Amino acid sequence: MKKKDIVMIGGGGHAKVVLSTLLRLNNWNIVGYIDKKKRDINSVEYLGDDDKLKDLINTVKCAVIGIGQIKDHNLRYKLYVQIKELGFYLPYIIAKSATIMSNISIGEGSYIGERAYIGPDVKIGKMCIINTGSIVEHGSEVGAFVHVSLNSSLGGNVRLGSETFVGMGSNILNDVTVGENVIVAAGAVVRKNIENNSLIYGNPGRVKRDYNKKRYV
């Protein structure tokens, strides 16, 4: 099978993770990466800053955003809008070691990391990050621009609103609905529904409402 050309947007830590996934999949030809500055990123060619994208769209049709969104998806969102306006296609990327069950829906530009588990009948929105070792169990729905961090677990039939961030090692129990624009702090255990624009931390989870975080989606 002929490899498809793809350009990486970003050169930091998350970009290196996504790059490693693409190399293991062995069906993508990574033409290079775009970033504000040249970095050491696994011998992949540095192509320049964002202005170079206008030229690349003439020869490369696929792009992947290797910018993470720890607590703030602002840059990731702006890059998504820019890249879509230029005409790039953003495929979802599923790591080779991830387990994907039946009847799954995954939105454009989303990344499913190494050893992640996606149960049956799960819906994942666009531009999500389901990171290394995380679990999204059966019947759950994950909104757009959600980041589920390393080794976090979503029980069955969980609902996560758009722009929500789930910190490392967190657990959201079965049938819980977490609103939009929520931060679930690392290690939190979420046992009940959480309103929009909240921060939840601790075990059992304690809620701080109406914290200041700008909405984009």
N, C-alpha and C. Protein backbone atom coordinates (compact mmCIF):
# COMPACT_ATOMS: atom_id res chain seq x y z
N MET A 1 0.84 -1.20 0.00
CA MET A 1 0.00 0.00 0.00
C MET A 1 0.88 1.26 0.00
N LYS A 2 0.58 2.19 -0.88
CA LYS A 2 1.34 3.42 -0.96
C LYS A 2 1.07 4.29 0.26
N LYS A 3 2.16 4.83 0.82
CA LYS A 3 2.02 5.70 1.98
C LYS A 3 1.45 7.05 1.57
N LYS A 4 0.64 7.64 2.45
CA LYS A 4 0.08 8.96 2.21
C LYS A 4 0.96 10.03 2.85
N ASP A 5 1.15 11.14 2.14
CA ASP A 5 1.92 12.25 2.68
C ASP A 5 1.13 12.96 3.77
N ILE A 6 1.84 13.37 4.82
CA ILE A 6 1.21 14.10 5.91
C ILE A 6 2.24 15.05 6.51
N VAL A 7 1.79 16.23 6.94
CA VAL A 7 2.66 17.19 7.58
C VAL A 7 2.27 17.32 9.06
N MET A 8 3.28 17.39 9.92
CA MET A 8 3.07 17.55 11.35
C MET A 8 3.08 19.03 11.71
N ILE A 9 2.08 19.46 12.48
CA ILE A 9 2.04 20.83 12.97
C ILE A 9 2.46 20.81 14.43
N GLY A 10 3.64 21.36 14.72
CA GLY A 10 4.17 21.36 16.08
C GLY A 10 5.42 20.51 16.17
N GLY A 11 6.26 20.85 17.17
CA GLY A 11 7.50 20.12 17.33
C GLY A 11 7.85 19.81 18.76
N GLY A 12 6.89 19.95 19.66
CA GLY A 12 7.12 19.71 21.07
C GLY A 12 6.88 18.28 21.49
N GLY A 13 6.60 18.09 22.78
CA GLY A 13 6.46 16.75 23.33
C GLY A 13 5.33 15.95 22.73
N HIS A 14 4.14 16.54 22.60
CA HIS A 14 3.01 15.79 22.03
C HIS A 14 3.27 15.45 20.57
N ALA A 15 3.92 16.36 19.85
CA ALA A 15 4.24 16.09 18.44
C ALA A 15 5.13 14.85 18.33
N LYS A 16 6.09 14.71 19.24
CA LYS A 16 6.97 13.55 19.21
C LYS A 16 6.20 12.26 19.49
N VAL A 17 5.21 12.35 20.37
CA VAL A 17 4.37 11.18 20.65
C VAL A 17 3.58 10.78 19.42
N VAL A 18 2.93 11.75 18.79
CA VAL A 18 2.13 11.47 17.58
C VAL A 18 3.03 10.97 16.46
N LEU A 19 4.20 11.58 16.32
CA LEU A 19 5.14 11.15 15.30
C LEU A 19 5.52 9.68 15.48
N SER A 20 5.81 9.29 16.71
CA SER A 20 6.16 7.89 16.98
C SER A 20 5.02 6.96 16.61
N THR A 21 3.80 7.39 16.87
CA THR A 21 2.63 6.59 16.48
C THR A 21 2.55 6.44 14.97
N LEU A 22 2.74 7.54 14.24
CA LEU A 22 2.69 7.49 12.78
C LEU A 22 3.75 6.56 12.22
N LEU A 23 4.94 6.59 12.79
CA LEU A 23 6.02 5.72 12.31
C LEU A 23 5.69 4.25 12.56
N ARG A 24 5.08 3.95 13.68
CA ARG A 24 4.71 2.56 13.98
C ARG A 24 3.58 2.07 13.08
N LEU A 25 2.69 2.98 12.67
CA LEU A 25 1.60 2.58 11.78
C LEU A 25 2.12 2.22 10.39
N ASN A 26 3.17 2.91 9.96
CA ASN A 26 3.86 2.58 8.71
C ASN A 26 3.01 2.78 7.46
N ASN A 27 1.99 3.64 7.54
CA ASN A 27 1.22 3.94 6.34
C ASN A 27 1.19 5.43 6.01
N TRP A 28 2.05 6.20 6.70
CA TRP A 28 2.13 7.63 6.46
C TRP A 28 3.57 8.01 6.09
N ASN A 29 3.71 8.89 5.13
CA ASN A 29 5.00 9.49 4.79
C ASN A 29 5.03 10.89 5.39
N ILE A 30 5.82 11.08 6.44
CA ILE A 30 5.86 12.36 7.14
C ILE A 30 6.83 13.28 6.40
N VAL A 31 6.28 14.27 5.70
CA VAL A 31 7.11 15.12 4.84
C VAL A 31 7.92 16.11 5.66
N GLY A 32 7.52 16.37 6.89
CA GLY A 32 8.24 17.31 7.73
C GLY A 32 7.31 17.89 8.78
N TYR A 33 7.83 18.86 9.53
CA TYR A 33 7.00 19.48 10.57
C TYR A 33 7.09 21.01 10.49
N ILE A 34 6.02 21.63 10.94
CA ILE A 34 5.89 23.09 10.99
C ILE A 34 5.95 23.52 12.46
N ASP A 35 6.76 24.52 12.75
CA ASP A 35 6.82 25.03 14.12
C ASP A 35 7.44 26.43 14.08
N LYS A 36 7.30 27.16 15.18
CA LYS A 36 7.87 28.50 15.23
C LYS A 36 9.39 28.48 15.18
N LYS A 37 9.97 27.36 15.66
CA LYS A 37 11.43 27.26 15.65
C LYS A 37 11.84 25.83 15.34
N LYS A 38 13.07 25.68 14.87
CA LYS A 38 13.59 24.36 14.54
C LYS A 38 13.93 23.61 15.82
N ARG A 39 13.52 22.33 15.87
CA ARG A 39 13.76 21.50 17.04
C ARG A 39 14.38 20.17 16.59
N ASP A 40 14.84 19.41 17.56
CA ASP A 40 15.31 18.06 17.28
C ASP A 40 14.13 17.11 17.43
N ILE A 41 13.56 16.68 16.32
CA ILE A 41 12.36 15.84 16.37
C ILE A 41 12.54 14.63 15.46
N ASN A 42 13.32 13.68 15.93
CA ASN A 42 13.46 12.36 15.30
C ASN A 42 13.86 12.44 13.83
N SER A 43 14.75 13.35 13.50
CA SER A 43 15.28 13.46 12.13
C SER A 43 14.23 13.85 11.10
N VAL A 44 13.07 14.28 11.52
CA VAL A 44 12.05 14.76 10.57
C VAL A 44 12.43 16.17 10.12
N GLU A 45 12.24 16.46 8.86
CA GLU A 45 12.68 17.74 8.30
C GLU A 45 11.86 18.90 8.85
N TYR A 46 12.56 19.96 9.19
CA TYR A 46 11.90 21.22 9.59
C TYR A 46 11.55 21.99 8.33
N LEU A 47 10.26 22.34 8.20
CA LEU A 47 9.78 22.98 6.97
C LEU A 47 9.60 24.48 7.09
N GLY A 48 9.59 25.00 8.34
CA GLY A 48 9.37 26.42 8.53
C GLY A 48 8.22 26.68 9.49
N ASP A 49 7.81 27.95 9.58
CA ASP A 49 6.72 28.31 10.49
C ASP A 49 5.38 28.20 9.78
N ASP A 50 4.32 28.71 10.43
CA ASP A 50 2.95 28.54 9.91
C ASP A 50 2.76 29.10 8.50
N ASP A 51 3.53 30.11 8.14
CA ASP A 51 3.38 30.71 6.81
C ASP A 51 3.65 29.70 5.69
N LYS A 52 4.45 28.69 5.98
CA LYS A 52 4.80 27.68 4.98
C LYS A 52 3.60 26.82 4.58
N LEU A 53 2.58 26.78 5.43
CA LEU A 53 1.41 25.94 5.15
C LEU A 53 0.70 26.35 3.86
N LYS A 54 0.74 27.63 3.54
CA LYS A 54 0.06 28.11 2.33
C LYS A 54 0.67 27.49 1.08
N ASP A 55 1.97 27.22 1.12
CA ASP A 55 2.64 26.58 -0.01
C ASP A 55 2.45 25.07 0.02
N LEU A 56 2.46 24.48 1.20
CA LEU A 56 2.38 23.02 1.32
C LEU A 56 1.07 22.45 0.82
N ILE A 57 -0.02 23.21 0.96
CA ILE A 57 -1.32 22.66 0.58
C ILE A 57 -1.36 22.28 -0.90
N ASN A 58 -0.45 22.82 -1.70
CA ASN A 58 -0.41 22.49 -3.12
C ASN A 58 0.12 21.08 -3.39
N THR A 59 0.86 20.53 -2.41
CA THR A 59 1.46 19.21 -2.61
C THR A 59 1.10 18.19 -1.54
N VAL A 60 0.73 18.67 -0.36
CA VAL A 60 0.39 17.77 0.75
C VAL A 60 -1.03 18.08 1.20
N LYS A 61 -1.88 17.06 1.24
CA LYS A 61 -3.29 17.29 1.55
C LYS A 61 -3.68 16.96 2.99
N CYS A 62 -2.83 16.19 3.69
CA CYS A 62 -3.16 15.75 5.05
C CYS A 62 -2.26 16.43 6.07
N ALA A 63 -2.82 16.76 7.21
CA ALA A 63 -2.05 17.36 8.30
C ALA A 63 -2.49 16.74 9.62
N VAL A 64 -1.58 16.76 10.58
CA VAL A 64 -1.91 16.33 11.94
C VAL A 64 -1.39 17.39 12.89
N ILE A 65 -2.20 17.77 13.86
CA ILE A 65 -1.81 18.79 14.83
C ILE A 65 -1.17 18.10 16.02
N GLY A 66 0.13 18.34 16.18
CA GLY A 66 0.87 17.74 17.28
C GLY A 66 1.04 18.69 18.44
N ILE A 67 0.05 19.52 18.67
CA ILE A 67 0.04 20.46 19.80
C ILE A 67 -0.93 19.91 20.83
N GLY A 68 -0.47 19.70 22.05
CA GLY A 68 -1.36 19.23 23.11
C GLY A 68 -2.24 20.35 23.64
N GLN A 69 -3.01 20.03 24.66
CA GLN A 69 -3.92 21.05 25.20
C GLN A 69 -4.07 20.89 26.70
N ILE A 70 -2.94 20.86 27.40
CA ILE A 70 -3.00 20.73 28.86
C ILE A 70 -3.74 21.93 29.45
N LYS A 71 -4.97 21.69 29.85
CA LYS A 71 -5.87 22.66 30.49
C LYS A 71 -6.32 23.80 29.58
N ASP A 72 -5.69 23.98 28.41
CA ASP A 72 -6.06 25.09 27.54
C ASP A 72 -5.91 24.66 26.08
N HIS A 73 -7.03 24.60 25.36
CA HIS A 73 -7.03 24.14 23.98
C HIS A 73 -6.96 25.29 22.99
N ASN A 74 -6.69 26.52 23.47
CA ASN A 74 -6.72 27.72 22.65
C ASN A 74 -5.89 27.59 21.38
N LEU A 75 -4.61 27.27 21.52
CA LEU A 75 -3.72 27.18 20.36
C LEU A 75 -4.16 26.05 19.43
N ARG A 76 -4.52 24.92 20.01
CA ARG A 76 -4.97 23.78 19.21
C ARG A 76 -6.19 24.14 18.38
N TYR A 77 -7.11 24.88 18.97
CA TYR A 77 -8.32 25.29 18.25
C TYR A 77 -7.98 26.26 17.11
N LYS A 78 -7.14 27.26 17.40
CA LYS A 78 -6.80 28.24 16.37
C LYS A 78 -6.08 27.59 15.19
N LEU A 79 -5.20 26.63 15.49
CA LEU A 79 -4.51 25.91 14.41
C LEU A 79 -5.50 25.10 13.58
N TYR A 80 -6.47 24.49 14.25
CA TYR A 80 -7.50 23.72 13.54
C TYR A 80 -8.25 24.61 12.54
N VAL A 81 -8.67 25.78 12.99
CA VAL A 81 -9.39 26.70 12.10
C VAL A 81 -8.51 27.11 10.93
N GLN A 82 -7.26 27.46 11.21
CA GLN A 82 -6.34 27.88 10.15
C GLN A 82 -6.12 26.78 9.12
N ILE A 83 -5.90 25.58 9.59
CA ILE A 83 -5.60 24.47 8.68
C ILE A 83 -6.82 24.09 7.84
N LYS A 84 -7.99 24.12 8.45
CA LYS A 84 -9.21 23.82 7.69
C LYS A 84 -9.47 24.88 6.62
N GLU A 85 -9.23 26.13 6.95
CA GLU A 85 -9.44 27.21 5.98
C GLU A 85 -8.50 27.07 4.79
N LEU A 86 -7.31 26.54 5.03
CA LEU A 86 -6.35 26.33 3.94
C LEU A 86 -6.70 25.13 3.07
N GLY A 87 -7.56 24.25 3.60
CA GLY A 87 -8.01 23.11 2.81
C GLY A 87 -7.39 21.77 3.16
N PHE A 88 -6.64 21.70 4.26
CA PHE A 88 -6.05 20.42 4.67
C PHE A 88 -7.11 19.47 5.22
N TYR A 89 -6.86 18.19 5.03
CA TYR A 89 -7.67 17.13 5.63
C TYR A 89 -6.95 16.65 6.89
N LEU A 90 -7.68 16.52 8.00
CA LEU A 90 -7.10 16.06 9.25
C LEU A 90 -7.65 14.68 9.59
N PRO A 91 -6.91 13.62 9.28
CA PRO A 91 -7.40 12.28 9.61
C PRO A 91 -7.31 12.04 11.12
N TYR A 92 -8.16 11.16 11.62
CA TYR A 92 -7.94 10.73 13.00
C TYR A 92 -6.83 9.69 12.99
N ILE A 93 -6.08 9.64 14.07
CA ILE A 93 -4.92 8.75 14.19
C ILE A 93 -5.16 7.79 15.35
N ILE A 94 -5.06 6.49 15.08
CA ILE A 94 -5.23 5.47 16.12
C ILE A 94 -3.93 4.70 16.25
N ALA A 95 -3.35 4.71 17.43
CA ALA A 95 -2.08 4.02 17.67
C ALA A 95 -2.22 2.52 17.43
N LYS A 96 -1.13 1.92 17.02
CA LYS A 96 -1.13 0.49 16.68
C LYS A 96 -1.50 -0.38 17.87
N SER A 97 -1.11 0.03 19.08
CA SER A 97 -1.37 -0.79 20.26
C SER A 97 -2.70 -0.47 20.94
N ALA A 98 -3.46 0.50 20.40
CA ALA A 98 -4.78 0.81 20.97
C ALA A 98 -5.76 -0.32 20.66
N THR A 99 -6.74 -0.47 21.54
CA THR A 99 -7.80 -1.46 21.33
C THR A 99 -9.09 -0.71 21.01
N ILE A 100 -9.65 -0.98 19.86
CA ILE A 100 -10.85 -0.28 19.39
C ILE A 100 -11.94 -1.33 19.17
N MET A 101 -13.03 -1.22 19.91
CA MET A 101 -14.12 -2.17 19.80
C MET A 101 -15.10 -1.77 18.70
N SER A 102 -16.27 -2.38 18.68
CA SER A 102 -17.21 -2.22 17.56
C SER A 102 -18.07 -0.96 17.69
N ASN A 103 -18.57 -0.52 16.52
CA ASN A 103 -19.53 0.58 16.43
C ASN A 103 -19.00 1.86 17.05
N ILE A 104 -17.80 2.28 16.61
CA ILE A 104 -17.13 3.45 17.14
C ILE A 104 -17.23 4.60 16.14
N SER A 105 -17.39 5.81 16.67
CA SER A 105 -17.35 7.02 15.85
C SER A 105 -16.24 7.92 16.38
N ILE A 106 -15.32 8.33 15.49
CA ILE A 106 -14.20 9.18 15.89
C ILE A 106 -14.15 10.38 14.96
N GLY A 107 -14.13 11.58 15.52
CA GLY A 107 -14.13 12.80 14.73
C GLY A 107 -12.77 13.12 14.13
N GLU A 108 -12.78 14.02 13.15
CA GLU A 108 -11.56 14.39 12.42
C GLU A 108 -10.51 14.95 13.38
N GLY A 109 -9.26 14.63 13.08
CA GLY A 109 -8.15 15.20 13.82
C GLY A 109 -7.92 14.65 15.20
N SER A 110 -8.72 13.68 15.63
CA SER A 110 -8.55 13.13 16.97
C SER A 110 -7.40 12.13 17.01
N TYR A 111 -6.82 11.98 18.18
CA TYR A 111 -5.69 11.09 18.38
C TYR A 111 -6.01 10.09 19.49
N ILE A 112 -5.89 8.81 19.18
CA ILE A 112 -6.09 7.73 20.16
C ILE A 112 -4.71 7.13 20.43
N GLY A 113 -4.22 7.27 21.65
CA GLY A 113 -2.84 6.95 21.96
C GLY A 113 -2.55 5.47 22.19
N GLU A 114 -1.27 5.20 22.39
CA GLU A 114 -0.80 3.84 22.62
C GLU A 114 -1.49 3.22 23.84
N ARG A 115 -1.93 1.99 23.68
CA ARG A 115 -2.55 1.17 24.73
C ARG A 115 -3.86 1.75 25.25
N ALA A 116 -4.41 2.73 24.55
CA ALA A 116 -5.74 3.22 24.92
C ALA A 116 -6.78 2.14 24.59
N TYR A 117 -7.90 2.18 25.31
CA TYR A 117 -9.01 1.25 25.06
C TYR A 117 -10.27 2.06 24.82
N ILE A 118 -10.91 1.80 23.68
CA ILE A 118 -12.17 2.45 23.33
C ILE A 118 -13.23 1.36 23.22
N GLY A 119 -14.17 1.36 24.14
CA GLY A 119 -15.19 0.32 24.20
C GLY A 119 -16.24 0.45 23.11
N PRO A 120 -17.15 -0.51 23.03
CA PRO A 120 -18.17 -0.49 21.99
C PRO A 120 -19.14 0.68 22.14
N ASP A 121 -19.66 1.13 21.00
CA ASP A 121 -20.70 2.16 20.95
C ASP A 121 -20.23 3.49 21.54
N VAL A 122 -18.96 3.79 21.40
CA VAL A 122 -18.41 5.06 21.88
C VAL A 122 -18.39 6.08 20.75
N LYS A 123 -18.67 7.34 21.09
CA LYS A 123 -18.58 8.44 20.13
C LYS A 123 -17.56 9.45 20.65
N ILE A 124 -16.57 9.75 19.82
CA ILE A 124 -15.52 10.71 20.16
C ILE A 124 -15.56 11.85 19.15
N GLY A 125 -15.64 13.08 19.63
CA GLY A 125 -15.76 14.24 18.75
C GLY A 125 -14.46 14.59 18.06
N LYS A 126 -14.48 15.68 17.33
CA LYS A 126 -13.31 16.11 16.56
C LYS A 126 -12.23 16.67 17.48
N MET A 127 -10.99 16.51 17.06
CA MET A 127 -9.81 17.12 17.67
C MET A 127 -9.64 16.75 19.15
N CYS A 128 -10.01 15.52 19.49
CA CYS A 128 -9.81 15.03 20.85
C CYS A 128 -8.46 14.35 20.98
N ILE A 129 -7.97 14.28 22.21
CA ILE A 129 -6.78 13.50 22.54
C ILE A 129 -7.20 12.49 23.60
N ILE A 130 -7.14 11.21 23.25
CA ILE A 130 -7.35 10.14 24.22
C ILE A 130 -5.97 9.54 24.43
N ASN A 131 -5.31 9.91 25.50
CA ASN A 131 -3.88 9.69 25.62
C ASN A 131 -3.51 8.29 26.10
N THR A 132 -2.22 8.07 26.21
CA THR A 132 -1.64 6.76 26.49
C THR A 132 -2.31 6.06 27.67
N GLY A 133 -2.75 4.84 27.44
CA GLY A 133 -3.27 4.00 28.51
C GLY A 133 -4.63 4.38 29.05
N SER A 134 -5.33 5.29 28.41
CA SER A 134 -6.64 5.72 28.90
C SER A 134 -7.75 4.79 28.43
N ILE A 135 -8.85 4.80 29.17
CA ILE A 135 -9.99 3.92 28.91
C ILE A 135 -11.24 4.76 28.72
N VAL A 136 -11.95 4.51 27.63
CA VAL A 136 -13.27 5.10 27.40
C VAL A 136 -14.23 3.93 27.20
N GLU A 137 -15.03 3.67 28.19
CA GLU A 137 -15.85 2.46 28.16
C GLU A 137 -17.14 2.61 27.35
N HIS A 138 -17.85 1.51 27.24
CA HIS A 138 -19.00 1.34 26.35
C HIS A 138 -20.03 2.45 26.49
N GLY A 139 -20.53 2.91 25.35
CA GLY A 139 -21.64 3.85 25.32
C GLY A 139 -21.30 5.27 25.70
N SER A 140 -20.04 5.58 25.93
CA SER A 140 -19.66 6.94 26.33
C SER A 140 -19.61 7.87 25.12
N GLU A 141 -19.79 9.16 25.40
CA GLU A 141 -19.72 10.19 24.37
C GLU A 141 -18.76 11.29 24.83
N VAL A 142 -17.82 11.62 23.95
CA VAL A 142 -16.79 12.61 24.26
C VAL A 142 -16.93 13.76 23.27
N GLY A 143 -17.12 14.98 23.77
CA GLY A 143 -17.32 16.13 22.91
C GLY A 143 -16.06 16.59 22.21
N ALA A 144 -16.17 17.63 21.39
CA ALA A 144 -15.04 18.14 20.61
C ALA A 144 -14.00 18.81 21.51
N PHE A 145 -12.74 18.71 21.08
CA PHE A 145 -11.63 19.36 21.77
C PHE A 145 -11.53 18.95 23.24
N VAL A 146 -11.73 17.68 23.48
CA VAL A 146 -11.56 17.11 24.83
C VAL A 146 -10.19 16.44 24.89
N HIS A 147 -9.52 16.57 26.02
CA HIS A 147 -8.25 15.89 26.26
C HIS A 147 -8.42 14.98 27.47
N VAL A 148 -8.28 13.67 27.24
CA VAL A 148 -8.29 12.69 28.31
C VAL A 148 -6.85 12.26 28.52
N SER A 149 -6.27 12.62 29.66
CA SER A 149 -4.84 12.43 29.90
C SER A 149 -4.47 10.99 30.20
N LEU A 150 -3.19 10.75 30.35
CA LEU A 150 -2.63 9.42 30.55
C LEU A 150 -3.31 8.66 31.69
N ASN A 151 -3.62 7.40 31.40
CA ASN A 151 -4.10 6.45 32.42
C ASN A 151 -5.36 6.92 33.14
N SER A 152 -6.20 7.66 32.44
CA SER A 152 -7.50 8.05 32.99
C SER A 152 -8.57 7.07 32.52
N SER A 153 -9.66 7.00 33.28
CA SER A 153 -10.72 6.04 32.96
C SER A 153 -12.08 6.71 32.95
N LEU A 154 -12.82 6.47 31.87
CA LEU A 154 -14.22 6.87 31.78
C LEU A 154 -15.04 5.60 31.81
N GLY A 155 -15.93 5.49 32.79
CA GLY A 155 -16.78 4.32 32.90
C GLY A 155 -17.81 4.28 31.78
N GLY A 156 -18.68 3.29 31.83
CA GLY A 156 -19.71 3.15 30.81
C GLY A 156 -20.71 4.28 30.83
N ASN A 157 -21.12 4.72 29.63
CA ASN A 157 -22.17 5.73 29.45
C ASN A 157 -21.83 7.07 30.08
N VAL A 158 -20.56 7.42 30.11
CA VAL A 158 -20.14 8.74 30.56
C VAL A 158 -20.35 9.74 29.43
N ARG A 159 -20.67 10.98 29.78
CA ARG A 159 -20.80 12.06 28.81
C ARG A 159 -19.81 13.16 29.19
N LEU A 160 -18.93 13.51 28.24
CA LEU A 160 -17.99 14.61 28.46
C LEU A 160 -18.31 15.73 27.48
N GLY A 161 -18.55 16.94 28.00
CA GLY A 161 -18.84 18.08 27.14
C GLY A 161 -17.61 18.60 26.44
N SER A 162 -17.81 19.38 25.39
CA SER A 162 -16.72 19.94 24.60
C SER A 162 -15.78 20.77 25.46
N GLU A 163 -14.50 20.75 25.07
CA GLU A 163 -13.44 21.56 25.67
C GLU A 163 -13.05 21.11 27.08
N THR A 164 -13.50 19.98 27.51
CA THR A 164 -13.19 19.51 28.86
C THR A 164 -11.82 18.84 28.88
N PHE A 165 -11.11 19.03 29.98
CA PHE A 165 -9.80 18.44 30.19
C PHE A 165 -9.87 17.48 31.38
N VAL A 166 -9.40 16.25 31.16
CA VAL A 166 -9.39 15.23 32.21
C VAL A 166 -7.93 14.93 32.54
N GLY A 167 -7.52 15.25 33.76
CA GLY A 167 -6.13 15.12 34.16
C GLY A 167 -5.68 13.68 34.35
N MET A 168 -4.38 13.49 34.47
CA MET A 168 -3.79 12.15 34.56
C MET A 168 -4.34 11.36 35.75
N GLY A 169 -4.62 10.09 35.47
CA GLY A 169 -5.03 9.18 36.53
C GLY A 169 -6.40 9.45 37.12
N SER A 170 -7.23 10.21 36.43
CA SER A 170 -8.58 10.51 36.92
C SER A 170 -9.53 9.37 36.60
N ASN A 171 -10.61 9.28 37.37
CA ASN A 171 -11.63 8.27 37.14
C ASN A 171 -13.02 8.92 37.17
N ILE A 172 -13.76 8.71 36.09
CA ILE A 172 -15.13 9.21 36.01
C ILE A 172 -16.04 7.98 35.98
N LEU A 173 -16.91 7.87 36.97
CA LEU A 173 -17.67 6.65 37.17
C LEU A 173 -18.82 6.52 36.18
N ASN A 174 -19.39 5.32 36.09
CA ASN A 174 -20.45 5.02 35.14
C ASN A 174 -21.60 6.02 35.21
N ASP A 175 -22.13 6.36 34.04
CA ASP A 175 -23.36 7.14 33.89
C ASP A 175 -23.24 8.59 34.34
N VAL A 176 -22.03 9.08 34.58
CA VAL A 176 -21.82 10.47 34.99
C VAL A 176 -21.75 11.37 33.76
N THR A 177 -22.36 12.55 33.86
CA THR A 177 -22.27 13.57 32.82
C THR A 177 -21.41 14.72 33.32
N VAL A 178 -20.34 15.01 32.58
CA VAL A 178 -19.46 16.13 32.87
C VAL A 178 -19.72 17.20 31.82
N GLY A 179 -19.98 18.43 32.24
CA GLY A 179 -20.37 19.48 31.31
C GLY A 179 -19.24 19.96 30.42
N GLU A 180 -19.51 21.05 29.71
CA GLU A 180 -18.54 21.66 28.82
C GLU A 180 -17.58 22.55 29.61
N ASN A 181 -16.35 22.69 29.06
CA ASN A 181 -15.39 23.63 29.63
C ASN A 181 -15.08 23.31 31.09
N VAL A 182 -14.89 22.04 31.38
CA VAL A 182 -14.61 21.57 32.74
C VAL A 182 -13.16 21.10 32.83
N ILE A 183 -12.52 21.33 33.96
CA ILE A 183 -11.22 20.74 34.25
C ILE A 183 -11.41 19.71 35.35
N VAL A 184 -11.03 18.47 35.06
CA VAL A 184 -10.97 17.40 36.06
C VAL A 184 -9.50 17.26 36.44
N ALA A 185 -9.17 17.64 37.66
CA ALA A 185 -7.77 17.66 38.08
C ALA A 185 -7.19 16.25 38.13
N ALA A 186 -5.88 16.15 38.05
CA ALA A 186 -5.21 14.85 38.09
C ALA A 186 -5.59 14.08 39.34
N GLY A 187 -5.92 12.82 39.14
CA GLY A 187 -6.25 11.94 40.26
C GLY A 187 -7.63 12.08 40.83
N ALA A 188 -8.45 12.96 40.27
CA ALA A 188 -9.81 13.15 40.79
C ALA A 188 -10.69 11.93 40.52
N VAL A 189 -11.64 11.71 41.40
CA VAL A 189 -12.64 10.66 41.21
C VAL A 189 -14.01 11.35 41.13
N VAL A 190 -14.64 11.26 39.97
CA VAL A 190 -15.90 11.97 39.71
C VAL A 190 -17.05 10.99 39.84
N ARG A 191 -17.88 11.20 40.84
CA ARG A 191 -18.97 10.27 41.15
C ARG A 191 -20.36 10.81 40.79
N LYS A 192 -20.45 12.12 40.50
CA LYS A 192 -21.75 12.73 40.21
C LYS A 192 -21.61 13.70 39.05
N ASN A 193 -22.75 14.11 38.50
CA ASN A 193 -22.74 15.01 37.36
C ASN A 193 -22.08 16.35 37.71
N ILE A 194 -21.39 16.93 36.72
CA ILE A 194 -20.67 18.19 36.92
C ILE A 194 -21.19 19.23 35.93
N GLU A 195 -21.46 20.42 36.43
CA GLU A 195 -21.98 21.49 35.58
C GLU A 195 -20.88 22.07 34.69
N ASN A 196 -21.33 22.81 33.65
CA ASN A 196 -20.39 23.53 32.78
C ASN A 196 -19.50 24.46 33.59
N ASN A 197 -18.32 24.76 33.05
CA ASN A 197 -17.43 25.79 33.61
C ASN A 197 -17.05 25.52 35.06
N SER A 198 -16.72 24.28 35.35
CA SER A 198 -16.36 23.90 36.71
C SER A 198 -14.96 23.30 36.74
N LEU A 199 -14.39 23.27 37.93
CA LEU A 199 -13.16 22.55 38.18
C LEU A 199 -13.44 21.54 39.29
N ILE A 200 -13.06 20.29 39.08
CA ILE A 200 -13.29 19.27 40.09
C ILE A 200 -11.96 18.62 40.46
N TYR A 201 -11.76 18.40 41.74
CA TYR A 201 -10.48 17.87 42.22
C TYR A 201 -10.72 16.99 43.45
N GLY A 202 -9.79 16.08 43.69
CA GLY A 202 -9.82 15.27 44.90
C GLY A 202 -10.64 13.99 44.78
N ASN A 203 -10.62 13.21 45.86
CA ASN A 203 -11.37 11.96 45.97
C ASN A 203 -12.00 11.87 47.37
N PRO A 204 -13.31 11.98 47.46
CA PRO A 204 -14.26 12.21 46.35
C PRO A 204 -14.12 13.62 45.77
N GLY A 205 -14.54 13.78 44.54
CA GLY A 205 -14.35 15.04 43.84
C GLY A 205 -15.08 16.20 44.50
N ARG A 206 -14.39 17.32 44.61
CA ARG A 206 -14.97 18.56 45.11
C ARG A 206 -14.98 19.57 43.97
N VAL A 207 -16.00 20.40 43.91
CA VAL A 207 -16.25 21.23 42.73
C VAL A 207 -16.06 22.71 43.05
N LYS A 208 -15.34 23.37 42.14
CA LYS A 208 -15.27 24.83 42.13
C LYS A 208 -15.93 25.28 40.85
N ARG A 209 -16.98 26.08 40.93
CA ARG A 209 -17.76 26.46 39.76
C ARG A 209 -17.33 27.82 39.22
N ASP A 210 -17.66 28.02 37.94
CA ASP A 210 -17.50 29.32 37.27
C ASP A 210 -16.08 29.87 37.34
N TYR A 211 -15.11 28.99 37.21
CA TYR A 211 -13.73 29.47 37.10
C TYR A 211 -13.54 30.11 35.72
N ASN A 212 -12.51 30.90 35.58
CA ASN A 212 -12.33 31.72 34.37
C ASN A 212 -11.56 30.94 33.30
N LYS A 213 -12.25 30.58 32.25
CA LYS A 213 -11.61 29.91 31.11
C LYS A 213 -12.40 30.26 29.86
N LYS A 214 -11.73 30.83 28.87
CA LYS A 214 -12.41 31.34 27.68
C LYS A 214 -12.92 30.19 26.82
N ARG A 215 -14.14 30.34 26.30
CA ARG A 215 -14.74 29.35 25.42
C ARG A 215 -14.44 29.66 23.96
N TYR A 216 -14.26 28.60 23.16
CA TYR A 216 -14.03 28.77 21.72
C TYR A 216 -15.00 27.95 20.86
N VAL A 217 -15.44 26.80 21.34
CA VAL A 217 -16.26 25.91 20.53
C VAL A 217 -17.73 26.18 20.80
